[in-house]
Amino acid sequence: MKPKILFVDDDENNLKAFKKDLKLNEDYEILISNNTNDAYQLIKDENISVVICDTVMPNTGGLELKARLNKDNISTPFIGMSGISEYRKQWKDLGCYFLEKPIFNSDLYNNIEEALK
């Protein structure tokens, strides 16, 4: 069974790009969500292996989603992403990996594989 990777981003173009990446689709099952409420439900309902989530989104962002998961004792590995490098420390403080946009495929794959360990 392929690991399930959940991408969460309010930017539909980013979601489409992640979904279309052939290497990812060969190695992983890809799920996408454009908001953290739906993402939270997917994480609870599906056997998600890794979450990759944007930091800043309308309503609630990735940091709030991770804090909610922590509060509910859901320990799914998490990779935060942002175009603002100052978020790195906040993600690291939550025990997460961090990718700075623009994201290079090699960095993405390396972080996913590290999170799956």
C-alpha atoms as a PDB file:
ATOM      1  CA  MET A   1       0.000   0.000   0.000  1.00  0.00           C
ATOM      2  CA  LYS A   2       1.346   3.417  -0.967  1.00  0.00           C
ATOM      3  CA  PRO A   3       1.789   6.052   1.749  1.00  0.00           C
ATOM      4  CA  LYS A   4      -0.950   8.699   1.672  1.00  0.00           C
ATOM      5  CA  ILE A   5       0.331  12.244   1.362  1.00  0.00           C
ATOM      6  CA  LEU A   6      -2.098  15.093   2.088  1.00  0.00           C
ATOM      7  CA  PHE A   7      -1.305  18.487   0.531  1.00  0.00           C
ATOM      8  CA  VAL A   8      -3.140  21.443   2.065  1.00  0.00           C
ATOM      9  CA  ASP A   9      -2.978  24.813   0.339  1.00  0.00           C
ATOM     10  CA  ASP A  10      -5.526  27.494  -0.529  1.00  0.00           C
ATOM     11  CA  ASP A  11      -3.759  28.100  -3.871  1.00  0.00           C
ATOM     12  CA  GLU A  12      -5.444  25.812  -6.420  1.00  0.00           C
ATOM     13  CA  ASN A  13      -2.455  26.111  -8.784  1.00  0.00           C
ATOM     14  CA  ASN A  14      -0.148  24.709  -6.097  1.00  0.00           C
ATOM     15  CA  LEU A  15      -2.560  21.838  -5.444  1.00  0.00           C
ATOM     16  CA  LYS A  16      -2.754  21.002  -9.151  1.00  0.00           C
ATOM     17  CA  ALA A  17       1.035  21.094  -9.498  1.00  0.00           C
ATOM     18  CA  PHE A  18       1.526  18.712  -6.561  1.00  0.00           C
ATOM     19  CA  LYS A  19      -1.199  16.386  -7.828  1.00  0.00           C
ATOM     20  CA  LYS A  20       0.250  16.237 -11.354  1.00  0.00           C
ATOM     21  CA  ASP A  21       3.800  15.472 -10.333  1.00  0.00           C
ATOM     22  CA  LEU A  22       4.339  12.061 -11.886  1.00  0.00           C
ATOM     23  CA  LYS A  23       7.057  10.946  -9.515  1.00  0.00           C
ATOM     24  CA  LEU A  24       4.878  11.684  -6.515  1.00  0.00           C
ATOM     25  CA  ASN A  25       1.947   9.846  -8.038  1.00  0.00           C
ATOM     26  CA  GLU A  26       4.107   6.785  -8.690  1.00  0.00           C
ATOM     27  CA  ASP A  27       5.438   6.668  -5.138  1.00  0.00           C
ATOM     28  CA  TYR A  28       2.521   7.936  -3.063  1.00  0.00           C
ATOM     29  CA  GLU A  29      -1.232   8.237  -2.989  1.00  0.00           C
ATOM     30  CA  ILE A  30      -2.004  11.959  -3.143  1.00  0.00           C
ATOM     31  CA  LEU A  31      -4.914  13.666  -1.400  1.00  0.00           C
ATOM     32  CA  ILE A  32      -5.489  17.414  -1.545  1.00  0.00           C
ATOM     33  CA  SER A  33      -7.441  19.949   0.453  1.00  0.00           C
ATOM     34  CA  ASN A  34      -7.809  23.695   0.030  1.00  0.00           C
ATOM     35  CA  ASN A  35      -8.643  24.390   3.698  1.00  0.00           C
ATOM     36  CA  THR A  36      -7.636  23.196   7.138  1.00  0.00           C
ATOM     37  CA  ASN A  37     -11.125  22.128   8.277  1.00  0.00           C
ATOM     38  CA  ASP A  38     -11.449  19.593   5.461  1.00  0.00           C
ATOM     39  CA  ALA A  39      -7.811  18.611   5.986  1.00  0.00           C
ATOM     40  CA  TYR A  40      -8.452  17.935   9.669  1.00  0.00           C
ATOM     41  CA  GLN A  41     -11.338  15.626   8.799  1.00  0.00           C
ATOM     42  CA  LEU A  42      -9.232  13.791   6.186  1.00  0.00           C
ATOM     43  CA  ILE A  43      -6.453  13.301   8.718  1.00  0.00           C
ATOM     44  CA  LYS A  44      -8.963  11.843  11.187  1.00  0.00           C
ATOM     45  CA  ASP A  45     -10.750   9.637   8.613  1.00  0.00           C
ATOM     46  CA  GLU A  46      -7.919   8.462   6.379  1.00  0.00           C
ATOM     47  CA  ASN A  47      -4.659   6.770   7.239  1.00  0.00           C
ATOM     48  CA  ILE A  48      -2.565   9.812   6.254  1.00  0.00           C
ATOM     49  CA  SER A  49       1.181   9.163   6.289  1.00  0.00           C
ATOM     50  CA  VAL A  50       2.396  12.775   5.921  1.00  0.00           C
ATOM     51  CA  VAL A  51       0.689  16.182   5.805  1.00  0.00           C
ATOM     52  CA  ILE A  52       2.255  18.998   3.791  1.00  0.00           C
ATOM     53  CA  CYS A  53       0.521  22.261   4.618  1.00  0.00           C
ATOM     54  CA  ASP A  54       0.817  25.920   3.753  1.00  0.00           C
ATOM     55  CA  THR A  55       1.341  28.239   6.692  1.00  0.00           C
ATOM     56  CA  VAL A  56      -0.899  31.175   5.803  1.00  0.00           C
ATOM     57  CA  MET A  57      -4.423  30.500   4.528  1.00  0.00           C
ATOM     58  CA  PRO A  58      -7.828  32.138   4.965  1.00  0.00           C
ATOM     59  CA  ASN A  59      -9.548  31.407   8.279  1.00  0.00           C
ATOM     60  CA  THR A  60      -7.012  29.023   9.852  1.00  0.00           C
ATOM     61  CA  GLY A  61      -3.549  28.205   8.606  1.00  0.00           C
ATOM     62  CA  GLY A  62      -1.143  25.339   8.887  1.00  0.00           C
ATOM     63  CA  LEU A  63       0.275  26.247  12.289  1.00  0.00           C
ATOM     64  CA  GLU A  64      -3.228  26.271  13.775  1.00  0.00           C
ATOM     65  CA  LEU A  65      -4.021  22.933  12.127  1.00  0.00           C
ATOM     66  CA  LYS A  66      -0.906  21.341  13.600  1.00  0.00           C
ATOM     67  CA  ALA A  67      -1.665  22.784  17.046  1.00  0.00           C
ATOM     68  CA  ARG A  68      -5.190  21.332  16.843  1.00  0.00           C
ATOM     69  CA  LEU A  69      -3.814  17.923  15.875  1.00  0.00           C
ATOM     70  CA  ASN A  70      -1.346  18.056  18.765  1.00  0.00           C
ATOM     71  CA  LYS A  71      -4.163  18.976  21.175  1.00  0.00           C
ATOM     72  CA  ASP A  72      -6.147  15.961  19.942  1.00  0.00           C
ATOM     73  CA  ASN A  73      -3.073  13.681  20.232  1.00  0.00           C
ATOM     74  CA  ILE A  74      -2.917  13.069  16.480  1.00  0.00           C
ATOM     75  CA  SER A  75       0.737  12.624  15.634  1.00  0.00           C
ATOM     76  CA  THR A  76       0.711  12.446  11.825  1.00  0.00           C
ATOM     77  CA  PRO A  77       4.095  13.665  10.509  1.00  0.00           C
ATOM     78  CA  PHE A  78       3.796  17.245   9.279  1.00  0.00           C
ATOM     79  CA  ILE A  79       5.726  19.420   6.822  1.00  0.00           C
ATOM     80  CA  GLY A  80       4.945  23.134   6.947  1.00  0.00           C
ATOM     81  CA  MET A  81       5.596  25.312   3.927  1.00  0.00           C
ATOM     82  CA  SER A  82       5.744  29.036   3.356  1.00  0.00           C
ATOM     83  CA  GLY A  83       7.357  31.671   1.208  1.00  0.00           C
ATOM     84  CA  ILE A  84       8.325  33.441   4.428  1.00  0.00           C
ATOM     85  CA  SER A  85      11.397  31.921   6.039  1.00  0.00           C
ATOM     86  CA  GLU A  86      10.599  33.439   9.443  1.00  0.00           C
ATOM     87  CA  TYR A  87       7.986  30.691   9.933  1.00  0.00           C
ATOM     88  CA  ARG A  88      10.723  28.035  10.053  1.00  0.00           C
ATOM     89  CA  LYS A  89      11.228  28.401  13.825  1.00  0.00           C
ATOM     90  CA  GLN A  90       7.500  28.161  14.585  1.00  0.00           C
ATOM     91  CA  TRP A  91       7.243  24.953  12.562  1.00  0.00           C
ATOM     92  CA  LYS A  92      10.352  23.501  14.176  1.00  0.00           C
ATOM     93  CA  ASP A  93       8.990  24.374  17.629  1.00  0.00           C
ATOM     94  CA  LEU A  94       5.942  22.224  16.796  1.00  0.00           C
ATOM     95  CA  GLY A  95       8.243  19.342  15.822  1.00  0.00           C
ATOM     96  CA  CYS A  96       7.636  19.714  12.098  1.00  0.00           C
ATOM     97  CA  TYR A  97       9.721  19.829   8.978  1.00  0.00           C
ATOM     98  CA  PHE A  98       9.704  23.073   6.983  1.00  0.00           C
ATOM     99  CA  LEU A  99       9.958  23.847   3.271  1.00  0.00           C
ATOM    100  CA  GLU A 100      10.460  27.357   1.987  1.00  0.00           C
ATOM    101  CA  LYS A 101       8.670  28.280  -1.246  1.00  0.00           C
ATOM    102  CA  PRO A 102       9.488  27.979  -4.037  1.00  0.00           C
ATOM    103  CA  ILE A 103       9.827  24.279  -3.286  1.00  0.00           C
ATOM    104  CA  PHE A 104      12.243  22.191  -5.297  1.00  0.00           C
ATOM    105  CA  ASN A 105      11.190  18.611  -5.990  1.00  0.00           C
ATOM    106  CA  SER A 106      14.370  17.181  -4.466  1.00  0.00           C
ATOM    107  CA  ASP A 107      13.698  19.037  -1.186  1.00  0.00           C
ATOM    108  CA  LEU A 108      10.085  17.895  -1.226  1.00  0.00           C
ATOM    109  CA  TYR A 109      10.972  14.232  -1.784  1.00  0.00           C
ATOM    110  CA  ASN A 110      13.731  14.325   0.831  1.00  0.00           C
ATOM    111  CA  ASN A 111      11.394  15.827   3.444  1.00  0.00           C
ATOM    112  CA  ILE A 112       8.633  13.338   2.666  1.00  0.00           C
ATOM    113  CA  GLU A 113      11.021  10.390   2.945  1.00  0.00           C
ATOM    114  CA  GLU A 114      12.456  11.740   6.200  1.00  0.00           C
ATOM    115  CA  ALA A 115       8.971  12.228   7.641  1.00  0.00           C
ATOM    116  CA  LEU A 116       8.015   8.666   6.690  1.00  0.00           C
ATOM    117  CA  LYS A 117      10.865   7.181   8.730  1.00  0.00           C
END
